Amino acid sequence: MMRGNERGFTLPELIVTTVVLVVLAGLSTLVLAPKVQVNERLDAERRMGVAMLIQGMNRYITDSGELPMYVPDKETNIGTSSDEYDACLATSEYLPRVPLDPKIGVAKDKDSNTVETDVIDCDDIETAYSAGYTIQKKDGRIMIGAGLSDGSAFTLASAQAPAKSN
């Protein structure tokens, strides 16, 4: 029972407040959903890029019976600068195109102009690139990885090179 000077919320006030909260929740979902969808699409492209690189490495290993030359033991970026591993040099016959990460992969022509592309043609020796993927040799396999939108990493391993017979 209410007393004369005490006052609570009226039914219309509660309804209006509830409607405002529902509208705000709906709008926040509309604002955040596209970002989630974009990140999922980018991560799917990254997984496909890693799979494409591993597939080329596996073809090389199957045909030659060994790992590609000069793959570093420590995690290294794939690209053409001096501190990167150029996947085209070692495996161009088996990996004719190198995919680029959809966000951080970069290709530049001979004049250092950025080239809009999602893959590098390994026959195009005038294009420099940084793929946005990493590579390393570990436990007799090639490991290729990509950073995902949530900060985690996605890594695939190649087939193991057959043991050499004496």
N, C-alpha and C. Protein backbone atom coordinates (compact mmCIF):
# COMPACT_ATOMS: atom_id res chain seq x y z
N MET A 1 0.84 -1.16 0.00
CA MET A 1 0.00 0.00 0.00
C MET A 1 0.90 1.24 0.00
N MET A 2 0.57 2.18 -0.87
CA MET A 2 1.36 3.39 -1.00
C MET A 2 0.84 4.47 -0.07
N ARG A 3 1.77 5.26 0.40
CA ARG A 3 1.40 6.40 1.24
C ARG A 3 1.43 7.65 0.38
N GLY A 4 0.92 8.68 0.84
CA GLY A 4 0.74 9.90 0.07
C GLY A 4 2.01 10.47 -0.56
N ASN A 5 3.14 10.48 0.13
CA ASN A 5 4.34 11.11 -0.42
C ASN A 5 5.28 10.12 -1.11
N GLU A 6 4.99 8.79 -1.06
CA GLU A 6 5.81 7.79 -1.76
C GLU A 6 5.29 7.63 -3.17
N ARG A 7 6.22 7.41 -4.06
CA ARG A 7 5.80 7.28 -5.43
C ARG A 7 6.64 6.21 -6.11
N GLY A 8 6.05 5.31 -6.87
CA GLY A 8 6.75 4.29 -7.63
C GLY A 8 6.63 4.59 -9.11
N PHE A 9 7.12 3.67 -9.92
CA PHE A 9 7.00 3.85 -11.37
C PHE A 9 5.59 3.47 -11.79
N THR A 10 5.06 4.20 -12.71
CA THR A 10 3.74 3.87 -13.24
C THR A 10 3.90 2.86 -14.35
N LEU A 11 2.83 2.20 -14.69
CA LEU A 11 2.86 1.21 -15.76
C LEU A 11 3.31 1.81 -17.09
N PRO A 12 2.82 2.97 -17.51
CA PRO A 12 3.30 3.57 -18.76
C PRO A 12 4.80 3.86 -18.73
N GLU A 13 5.33 4.29 -17.60
CA GLU A 13 6.77 4.55 -17.50
C GLU A 13 7.57 3.26 -17.66
N LEU A 14 7.13 2.19 -17.06
CA LEU A 14 7.80 0.90 -17.20
C LEU A 14 7.74 0.40 -18.63
N ILE A 15 6.63 0.56 -19.29
CA ILE A 15 6.48 0.11 -20.69
C ILE A 15 7.41 0.92 -21.60
N VAL A 16 7.45 2.23 -21.44
CA VAL A 16 8.31 3.08 -22.27
C VAL A 16 9.78 2.71 -22.05
N THR A 17 10.18 2.52 -20.81
CA THR A 17 11.56 2.14 -20.51
C THR A 17 11.92 0.80 -21.14
N THR A 18 11.03 -0.16 -21.05
CA THR A 18 11.26 -1.48 -21.64
C THR A 18 11.39 -1.37 -23.16
N VAL A 19 10.52 -0.60 -23.79
CA VAL A 19 10.57 -0.42 -25.25
C VAL A 19 11.89 0.23 -25.66
N VAL A 20 12.32 1.26 -24.92
CA VAL A 20 13.59 1.93 -25.24
C VAL A 20 14.76 0.94 -25.12
N LEU A 21 14.78 0.13 -24.09
CA LEU A 21 15.86 -0.85 -23.91
C LEU A 21 15.85 -1.90 -25.03
N VAL A 22 14.68 -2.35 -25.43
CA VAL A 22 14.59 -3.33 -26.52
C VAL A 22 15.08 -2.72 -27.82
N VAL A 23 14.70 -1.48 -28.11
CA VAL A 23 15.15 -0.81 -29.34
C VAL A 23 16.67 -0.64 -29.32
N LEU A 24 17.23 -0.23 -28.19
CA LEU A 24 18.69 -0.08 -28.09
C LEU A 24 19.41 -1.41 -28.29
N ALA A 25 18.87 -2.47 -27.72
CA ALA A 25 19.48 -3.80 -27.90
C ALA A 25 19.42 -4.22 -29.36
N GLY A 26 18.31 -3.96 -30.01
CA GLY A 26 18.17 -4.30 -31.43
C GLY A 26 19.14 -3.52 -32.30
N LEU A 27 19.28 -2.22 -32.02
CA LEU A 27 20.21 -1.39 -32.79
C LEU A 27 21.65 -1.83 -32.59
N SER A 28 22.03 -2.18 -31.37
CA SER A 28 23.40 -2.62 -31.14
C SER A 28 23.69 -3.92 -31.89
N THR A 29 22.71 -4.79 -32.00
CA THR A 29 22.87 -6.02 -32.77
C THR A 29 23.08 -5.70 -34.24
N LEU A 30 22.34 -4.75 -34.77
CA LEU A 30 22.48 -4.37 -36.18
C LEU A 30 23.83 -3.73 -36.45
N VAL A 31 24.35 -3.01 -35.48
CA VAL A 31 25.65 -2.36 -35.66
C VAL A 31 26.78 -3.38 -35.57
N LEU A 32 26.70 -4.32 -34.64
CA LEU A 32 27.79 -5.27 -34.42
C LEU A 32 27.78 -6.44 -35.39
N ALA A 33 26.62 -6.85 -35.87
CA ALA A 33 26.52 -8.04 -36.72
C ALA A 33 27.36 -7.92 -38.00
N PRO A 34 27.32 -6.80 -38.73
CA PRO A 34 28.14 -6.72 -39.94
C PRO A 34 29.63 -6.90 -39.68
N LYS A 35 30.12 -6.36 -38.56
CA LYS A 35 31.55 -6.51 -38.25
C LYS A 35 31.89 -7.98 -38.02
N VAL A 36 31.03 -8.69 -37.33
CA VAL A 36 31.25 -10.12 -37.09
C VAL A 36 31.26 -10.87 -38.42
N GLN A 37 30.33 -10.54 -39.29
CA GLN A 37 30.26 -11.21 -40.60
C GLN A 37 31.49 -10.91 -41.44
N VAL A 38 31.96 -9.68 -41.42
CA VAL A 38 33.17 -9.32 -42.17
C VAL A 38 34.36 -10.09 -41.63
N ASN A 39 34.51 -10.14 -40.31
CA ASN A 39 35.62 -10.88 -39.71
C ASN A 39 35.57 -12.36 -40.05
N GLU A 40 34.37 -12.94 -40.05
CA GLU A 40 34.24 -14.36 -40.41
C GLU A 40 34.64 -14.59 -41.86
N ARG A 41 34.26 -13.68 -42.75
CA ARG A 41 34.63 -13.80 -44.17
C ARG A 41 36.15 -13.68 -44.34
N LEU A 42 36.75 -12.71 -43.66
CA LEU A 42 38.21 -12.54 -43.75
C LEU A 42 38.94 -13.76 -43.21
N ASP A 43 38.47 -14.31 -42.10
CA ASP A 43 39.09 -15.50 -41.53
C ASP A 43 38.94 -16.70 -42.45
N ALA A 44 37.80 -16.82 -43.13
CA ALA A 44 37.62 -17.91 -44.09
C ALA A 44 38.61 -17.77 -45.25
N GLU A 45 38.83 -16.53 -45.71
CA GLU A 45 39.82 -16.30 -46.77
C GLU A 45 41.23 -16.66 -46.28
N ARG A 46 41.52 -16.33 -45.04
CA ARG A 46 42.85 -16.67 -44.49
C ARG A 46 43.05 -18.18 -44.43
N ARG A 47 42.03 -18.89 -43.97
CA ARG A 47 42.13 -20.36 -43.90
C ARG A 47 42.34 -20.95 -45.29
N MET A 48 41.64 -20.40 -46.29
CA MET A 48 41.81 -20.88 -47.67
C MET A 48 43.23 -20.57 -48.17
N GLY A 49 43.75 -19.40 -47.82
CA GLY A 49 45.11 -19.05 -48.23
C GLY A 49 46.14 -19.99 -47.63
N VAL A 50 46.00 -20.29 -46.35
CA VAL A 50 46.91 -21.23 -45.69
C VAL A 50 46.79 -22.61 -46.34
N ALA A 51 45.57 -23.05 -46.61
CA ALA A 51 45.36 -24.36 -47.24
C ALA A 51 45.98 -24.40 -48.64
N MET A 52 45.86 -23.31 -49.39
CA MET A 52 46.45 -23.25 -50.73
C MET A 52 47.98 -23.35 -50.66
N LEU A 53 48.58 -22.66 -49.71
CA LEU A 53 50.04 -22.73 -49.55
C LEU A 53 50.49 -24.13 -49.14
N ILE A 54 49.79 -24.74 -48.19
CA ILE A 54 50.13 -26.10 -47.76
C ILE A 54 49.96 -27.09 -48.90
N GLN A 55 48.94 -26.92 -49.70
CA GLN A 55 48.71 -27.82 -50.83
C GLN A 55 49.90 -27.76 -51.81
N GLY A 56 50.40 -26.55 -52.08
CA GLY A 56 51.58 -26.43 -52.94
C GLY A 56 52.81 -27.08 -52.33
N MET A 57 53.00 -26.90 -51.02
CA MET A 57 54.13 -27.52 -50.33
C MET A 57 54.01 -29.05 -50.37
N ASN A 58 52.81 -29.56 -50.16
CA ASN A 58 52.60 -31.01 -50.20
C ASN A 58 52.90 -31.58 -51.58
N ARG A 59 52.50 -30.87 -52.63
CA ARG A 59 52.82 -31.34 -54.00
C ARG A 59 54.33 -31.38 -54.20
N TYR A 60 55.02 -30.37 -53.71
CA TYR A 60 56.48 -30.34 -53.82
C TYR A 60 57.09 -31.53 -53.06
N ILE A 61 56.65 -31.74 -51.83
CA ILE A 61 57.19 -32.83 -51.00
C ILE A 61 56.92 -34.18 -51.65
N THR A 62 55.72 -34.38 -52.17
CA THR A 62 55.36 -35.64 -52.81
C THR A 62 56.24 -35.91 -54.03
N ASP A 63 56.47 -34.87 -54.84
CA ASP A 63 57.23 -35.05 -56.08
C ASP A 63 58.73 -35.18 -55.83
N SER A 64 59.28 -34.35 -54.92
CA SER A 64 60.73 -34.33 -54.72
C SER A 64 61.19 -35.27 -53.61
N GLY A 65 60.29 -35.63 -52.71
CA GLY A 65 60.67 -36.49 -51.59
C GLY A 65 61.39 -35.75 -50.48
N GLU A 66 61.38 -34.42 -50.52
CA GLU A 66 62.03 -33.63 -49.47
C GLU A 66 61.29 -32.31 -49.28
N LEU A 67 61.62 -31.64 -48.18
CA LEU A 67 61.02 -30.34 -47.92
C LEU A 67 61.63 -29.30 -48.86
N PRO A 68 60.89 -28.24 -49.17
CA PRO A 68 61.48 -27.17 -50.00
C PRO A 68 62.72 -26.58 -49.34
N MET A 69 63.63 -26.11 -50.16
CA MET A 69 64.90 -25.57 -49.65
C MET A 69 64.70 -24.26 -48.91
N TYR A 70 65.56 -24.04 -47.97
CA TYR A 70 65.70 -22.77 -47.25
C TYR A 70 64.51 -22.37 -46.38
N VAL A 71 63.61 -23.29 -46.10
CA VAL A 71 62.52 -22.95 -45.17
C VAL A 71 63.14 -22.77 -43.79
N PRO A 72 62.92 -21.62 -43.16
CA PRO A 72 63.57 -21.35 -41.87
C PRO A 72 62.99 -22.18 -40.73
N ASP A 73 63.83 -22.40 -39.72
CA ASP A 73 63.39 -23.12 -38.53
C ASP A 73 62.55 -22.23 -37.61
N LYS A 74 62.71 -20.94 -37.71
CA LYS A 74 61.90 -20.04 -36.89
C LYS A 74 60.80 -19.43 -37.76
N GLU A 75 59.70 -19.08 -37.11
CA GLU A 75 58.56 -18.53 -37.84
C GLU A 75 58.97 -17.25 -38.59
N THR A 76 58.71 -17.23 -39.88
CA THR A 76 59.13 -16.14 -40.76
C THR A 76 57.96 -15.77 -41.67
N ASN A 77 57.85 -14.49 -41.97
CA ASN A 77 56.81 -14.05 -42.90
C ASN A 77 57.12 -14.51 -44.32
N ILE A 78 56.06 -14.77 -45.08
CA ILE A 78 56.21 -15.14 -46.49
C ILE A 78 56.16 -13.86 -47.31
N GLY A 79 57.18 -13.66 -48.14
CA GLY A 79 57.25 -12.46 -48.98
C GLY A 79 58.59 -12.37 -49.68
N THR A 80 58.86 -11.23 -50.30
CA THR A 80 60.08 -11.08 -51.09
C THR A 80 61.14 -10.20 -50.45
N SER A 81 60.89 -9.62 -49.29
CA SER A 81 61.95 -8.80 -48.68
C SER A 81 63.04 -9.72 -48.12
N SER A 82 64.17 -9.13 -47.78
CA SER A 82 65.33 -9.94 -47.37
C SER A 82 65.10 -10.75 -46.10
N ASP A 83 64.18 -10.32 -45.24
CA ASP A 83 63.93 -11.08 -44.01
C ASP A 83 62.69 -11.97 -44.10
N GLU A 84 62.18 -12.19 -45.31
CA GLU A 84 61.01 -13.03 -45.52
C GLU A 84 61.39 -14.25 -46.38
N TYR A 85 60.51 -15.24 -46.39
CA TYR A 85 60.70 -16.44 -47.20
C TYR A 85 59.86 -16.32 -48.47
N ASP A 86 60.50 -16.37 -49.62
CA ASP A 86 59.80 -16.24 -50.90
C ASP A 86 59.32 -17.61 -51.36
N ALA A 87 58.04 -17.87 -51.16
CA ALA A 87 57.45 -19.16 -51.52
C ALA A 87 57.53 -19.41 -53.03
N CYS A 88 57.55 -18.35 -53.83
CA CYS A 88 57.63 -18.51 -55.28
C CYS A 88 58.98 -19.09 -55.71
N LEU A 89 60.06 -18.69 -55.08
CA LEU A 89 61.38 -19.17 -55.49
C LEU A 89 61.53 -20.67 -55.31
N ALA A 90 61.04 -21.18 -54.21
CA ALA A 90 61.26 -22.60 -53.90
C ALA A 90 60.26 -23.52 -54.57
N THR A 91 59.04 -23.06 -54.76
CA THR A 91 57.99 -23.99 -55.16
C THR A 91 57.10 -23.48 -56.29
N SER A 92 57.61 -22.60 -57.16
CA SER A 92 56.74 -21.97 -58.17
C SER A 92 56.07 -22.99 -59.10
N GLU A 93 56.73 -24.10 -59.36
CA GLU A 93 56.12 -25.13 -60.21
C GLU A 93 54.91 -25.77 -59.51
N TYR A 94 54.96 -25.84 -58.21
CA TYR A 94 53.91 -26.50 -57.43
C TYR A 94 52.93 -25.49 -56.81
N LEU A 95 53.37 -24.26 -56.74
CA LEU A 95 52.57 -23.19 -56.17
C LEU A 95 52.68 -21.99 -57.11
N PRO A 96 51.92 -22.01 -58.22
CA PRO A 96 52.08 -20.94 -59.21
C PRO A 96 51.60 -19.57 -58.74
N ARG A 97 50.75 -19.55 -57.72
CA ARG A 97 50.26 -18.28 -57.18
C ARG A 97 50.31 -18.33 -55.65
N VAL A 98 50.72 -17.24 -55.06
CA VAL A 98 50.78 -17.12 -53.61
C VAL A 98 49.62 -16.23 -53.16
N PRO A 99 48.75 -16.74 -52.29
CA PRO A 99 47.64 -15.92 -51.81
C PRO A 99 48.12 -14.86 -50.83
N LEU A 100 47.40 -13.75 -50.78
CA LEU A 100 47.70 -12.68 -49.84
C LEU A 100 46.61 -12.61 -48.78
N ASP A 101 47.02 -12.33 -47.55
CA ASP A 101 46.05 -12.12 -46.48
C ASP A 101 45.14 -10.96 -46.90
N PRO A 102 43.82 -11.11 -46.71
CA PRO A 102 42.90 -10.08 -47.19
C PRO A 102 43.03 -8.72 -46.51
N LYS A 103 43.65 -8.65 -45.35
CA LYS A 103 43.81 -7.38 -44.65
C LYS A 103 45.23 -6.86 -44.70
N ILE A 104 46.22 -7.73 -44.44
CA ILE A 104 47.59 -7.25 -44.30
C ILE A 104 48.51 -7.67 -45.44
N GLY A 105 48.03 -8.49 -46.35
CA GLY A 105 48.85 -8.87 -47.51
C GLY A 105 49.00 -7.68 -48.44
N VAL A 106 50.22 -7.49 -48.97
CA VAL A 106 50.51 -6.33 -49.82
C VAL A 106 51.33 -6.78 -51.03
N ALA A 107 50.99 -6.22 -52.19
CA ALA A 107 51.77 -6.43 -53.40
C ALA A 107 52.15 -5.07 -53.96
N LYS A 108 53.39 -4.97 -54.46
CA LYS A 108 53.87 -3.70 -55.03
C LYS A 108 54.54 -3.98 -56.37
N ASP A 109 54.30 -3.08 -57.33
CA ASP A 109 54.94 -3.24 -58.63
C ASP A 109 56.37 -2.71 -58.57
N LYS A 110 57.08 -2.73 -59.72
CA LYS A 110 58.49 -2.35 -59.73
C LYS A 110 58.73 -0.90 -59.33
N ASP A 111 57.68 -0.06 -59.42
CA ASP A 111 57.78 1.34 -59.01
C ASP A 111 57.29 1.56 -57.57
N SER A 112 57.10 0.49 -56.84
CA SER A 112 56.63 0.51 -55.44
C SER A 112 55.20 1.02 -55.28
N ASN A 113 54.41 0.94 -56.33
CA ASN A 113 53.00 1.27 -56.24
C ASN A 113 52.24 0.04 -55.76
N THR A 114 51.29 0.24 -54.86
CA THR A 114 50.50 -0.88 -54.36
C THR A 114 49.63 -1.44 -55.47
N VAL A 115 49.61 -2.76 -55.59
CA VAL A 115 48.82 -3.46 -56.60
C VAL A 115 47.63 -4.10 -55.89
N GLU A 116 46.42 -3.83 -56.39
CA GLU A 116 45.22 -4.43 -55.81
C GLU A 116 45.07 -5.86 -56.32
N THR A 117 45.33 -6.84 -55.48
CA THR A 117 45.21 -8.25 -55.86
C THR A 117 45.08 -9.10 -54.61
N ASP A 118 44.55 -10.29 -54.78
CA ASP A 118 44.47 -11.20 -53.63
C ASP A 118 45.45 -12.37 -53.77
N VAL A 119 46.12 -12.47 -54.93
CA VAL A 119 47.15 -13.49 -55.14
C VAL A 119 48.30 -12.89 -55.95
N ILE A 120 49.47 -13.46 -55.77
CA ILE A 120 50.65 -13.08 -56.54
C ILE A 120 50.93 -14.18 -57.54
N ASP A 121 51.10 -13.82 -58.79
CA ASP A 121 51.49 -14.77 -59.82
C ASP A 121 53.00 -14.94 -59.73
N CYS A 122 53.46 -16.15 -59.47
CA CYS A 122 54.89 -16.39 -59.27
C CYS A 122 55.72 -16.15 -60.54
N ASP A 123 55.08 -16.09 -61.69
CA ASP A 123 55.81 -15.78 -62.93
C ASP A 123 56.09 -14.29 -63.07
N ASP A 124 55.41 -13.46 -62.29
CA ASP A 124 55.58 -12.01 -62.34
C ASP A 124 56.72 -11.62 -61.42
N ILE A 125 57.94 -11.64 -61.95
CA ILE A 125 59.11 -11.40 -61.11
C ILE A 125 59.27 -9.93 -60.72
N GLU A 126 58.49 -9.03 -61.31
CA GLU A 126 58.62 -7.61 -60.98
C GLU A 126 57.72 -7.19 -59.82
N THR A 127 56.89 -8.10 -59.31
CA THR A 127 56.00 -7.76 -58.21
C THR A 127 56.59 -8.24 -56.89
N ALA A 128 56.78 -7.29 -55.99
CA ALA A 128 57.22 -7.62 -54.63
C ALA A 128 55.97 -7.84 -53.79
N TYR A 129 56.07 -8.68 -52.79
CA TYR A 129 54.89 -8.95 -51.97
C TYR A 129 55.26 -9.30 -50.55
N SER A 130 54.32 -9.10 -49.67
CA SER A 130 54.36 -9.60 -48.31
C SER A 130 53.00 -10.24 -48.09
N ALA A 131 52.97 -11.57 -47.99
CA ALA A 131 51.72 -12.32 -48.03
C ALA A 131 50.85 -12.16 -46.79
N GLY A 132 51.46 -11.86 -45.66
CA GLY A 132 50.69 -11.79 -44.43
C GLY A 132 50.52 -13.15 -43.76
N TYR A 133 51.23 -14.16 -44.28
CA TYR A 133 51.22 -15.50 -43.70
C TYR A 133 52.63 -15.82 -43.20
N THR A 134 52.73 -16.79 -42.31
CA THR A 134 54.04 -17.18 -41.79
C THR A 134 54.35 -18.62 -42.20
N ILE A 135 55.66 -18.93 -42.19
CA ILE A 135 56.12 -20.27 -42.54
C ILE A 135 57.28 -20.63 -41.63
N GLN A 136 57.40 -21.91 -41.32
CA GLN A 136 58.57 -22.41 -40.61
C GLN A 136 58.65 -23.92 -40.78
N LYS A 137 59.89 -24.42 -40.64
CA LYS A 137 60.13 -25.87 -40.65
C LYS A 137 60.16 -26.33 -39.21
N LYS A 138 59.34 -27.37 -38.92
CA LYS A 138 59.28 -27.86 -37.54
C LYS A 138 58.95 -29.34 -37.56
N ASP A 139 59.76 -30.13 -36.88
CA ASP A 139 59.53 -31.58 -36.77
C ASP A 139 59.38 -32.25 -38.12
N GLY A 140 60.19 -31.85 -39.09
CA GLY A 140 60.18 -32.48 -40.40
C GLY A 140 58.98 -32.10 -41.26
N ARG A 141 58.29 -31.04 -40.90
CA ARG A 141 57.11 -30.57 -41.65
C ARG A 141 57.23 -29.07 -41.89
N ILE A 142 56.44 -28.59 -42.83
CA ILE A 142 56.31 -27.16 -43.05
C ILE A 142 55.05 -26.70 -42.34
N MET A 143 55.16 -25.67 -41.53
CA MET A 143 54.02 -25.09 -40.83
C MET A 143 53.72 -23.73 -41.45
N ILE A 144 52.48 -23.52 -41.85
CA ILE A 144 52.07 -22.24 -42.40
C ILE A 144 50.92 -21.72 -41.56
N GLY A 145 51.00 -20.45 -41.20
CA GLY A 145 49.99 -19.90 -40.30
C GLY A 145 49.51 -18.53 -40.71
N ALA A 146 48.38 -18.16 -40.12
CA ALA A 146 47.77 -16.84 -40.33
C ALA A 146 47.14 -16.38 -39.04
N GLY A 147 47.20 -15.09 -38.79
CA GLY A 147 46.51 -14.52 -37.64
C GLY A 147 45.05 -14.31 -37.98
N LEU A 148 44.16 -14.64 -37.04
CA LEU A 148 42.73 -14.48 -37.25
C LEU A 148 42.22 -13.21 -36.58
N SER A 149 41.02 -12.83 -36.92
CA SER A 149 40.43 -11.57 -36.43
C SER A 149 40.33 -11.49 -34.92
N ASP A 150 40.14 -12.62 -34.25
CA ASP A 150 39.98 -12.62 -32.80
C ASP A 150 41.32 -12.66 -32.05
N GLY A 151 42.43 -12.57 -32.81
CA GLY A 151 43.75 -12.58 -32.19
C GLY A 151 44.37 -13.96 -32.10
N SER A 152 43.61 -15.01 -32.40
CA SER A 152 44.17 -16.36 -32.38
C SER A 152 44.90 -16.62 -33.71
N ALA A 153 45.49 -17.77 -33.83
CA ALA A 153 46.22 -18.14 -35.05
C ALA A 153 45.65 -19.43 -35.62
N PHE A 154 45.75 -19.54 -36.93
CA PHE A 154 45.34 -20.74 -37.65
C PHE A 154 46.58 -21.28 -38.34
N THR A 155 46.93 -22.53 -38.08
CA THR A 155 48.15 -23.12 -38.64
C THR A 155 47.84 -24.50 -39.22
N LEU A 156 48.42 -24.78 -40.37
CA LEU A 156 48.35 -26.11 -40.97
C LEU A 156 49.76 -26.63 -41.17
N ALA A 157 49.92 -27.95 -41.10
CA ALA A 157 51.22 -28.58 -41.31
C ALA A 157 51.21 -29.37 -42.61
N SER A 158 52.33 -29.39 -43.27
CA SER A 158 52.47 -30.17 -44.51
C SER A 158 52.66 -31.64 -44.18
N ALA A 159 52.69 -32.43 -45.23
CA ALA A 159 53.07 -33.83 -45.07
C ALA A 159 54.53 -33.88 -44.65
N GLN A 160 54.91 -34.96 -44.03
CA GLN A 160 56.30 -35.12 -43.62
C GLN A 160 57.09 -35.66 -44.81
N ALA A 161 58.28 -35.17 -45.00
CA ALA A 161 59.13 -35.68 -46.07
C ALA A 161 59.52 -37.11 -45.73
N PRO A 162 59.56 -38.00 -46.74
CA PRO A 162 59.95 -39.38 -46.46
C PRO A 162 61.38 -39.46 -45.94
N ALA A 163 61.63 -40.42 -45.09
CA ALA A 163 62.98 -40.61 -44.56
C ALA A 163 63.90 -41.04 -45.69
N LYS A 164 65.10 -40.49 -45.71
CA LYS A 164 66.08 -40.84 -46.73
C LYS A 164 66.68 -42.20 -46.42
N SER A 165 66.78 -43.04 -47.44
CA SER A 165 67.41 -44.35 -47.24
C SER A 165 68.90 -44.24 -47.51
N ASN A 166 69.68 -45.01 -46.78
CA ASN A 166 71.14 -44.96 -46.94
C ASN A 166 71.61 -45.81 -48.03
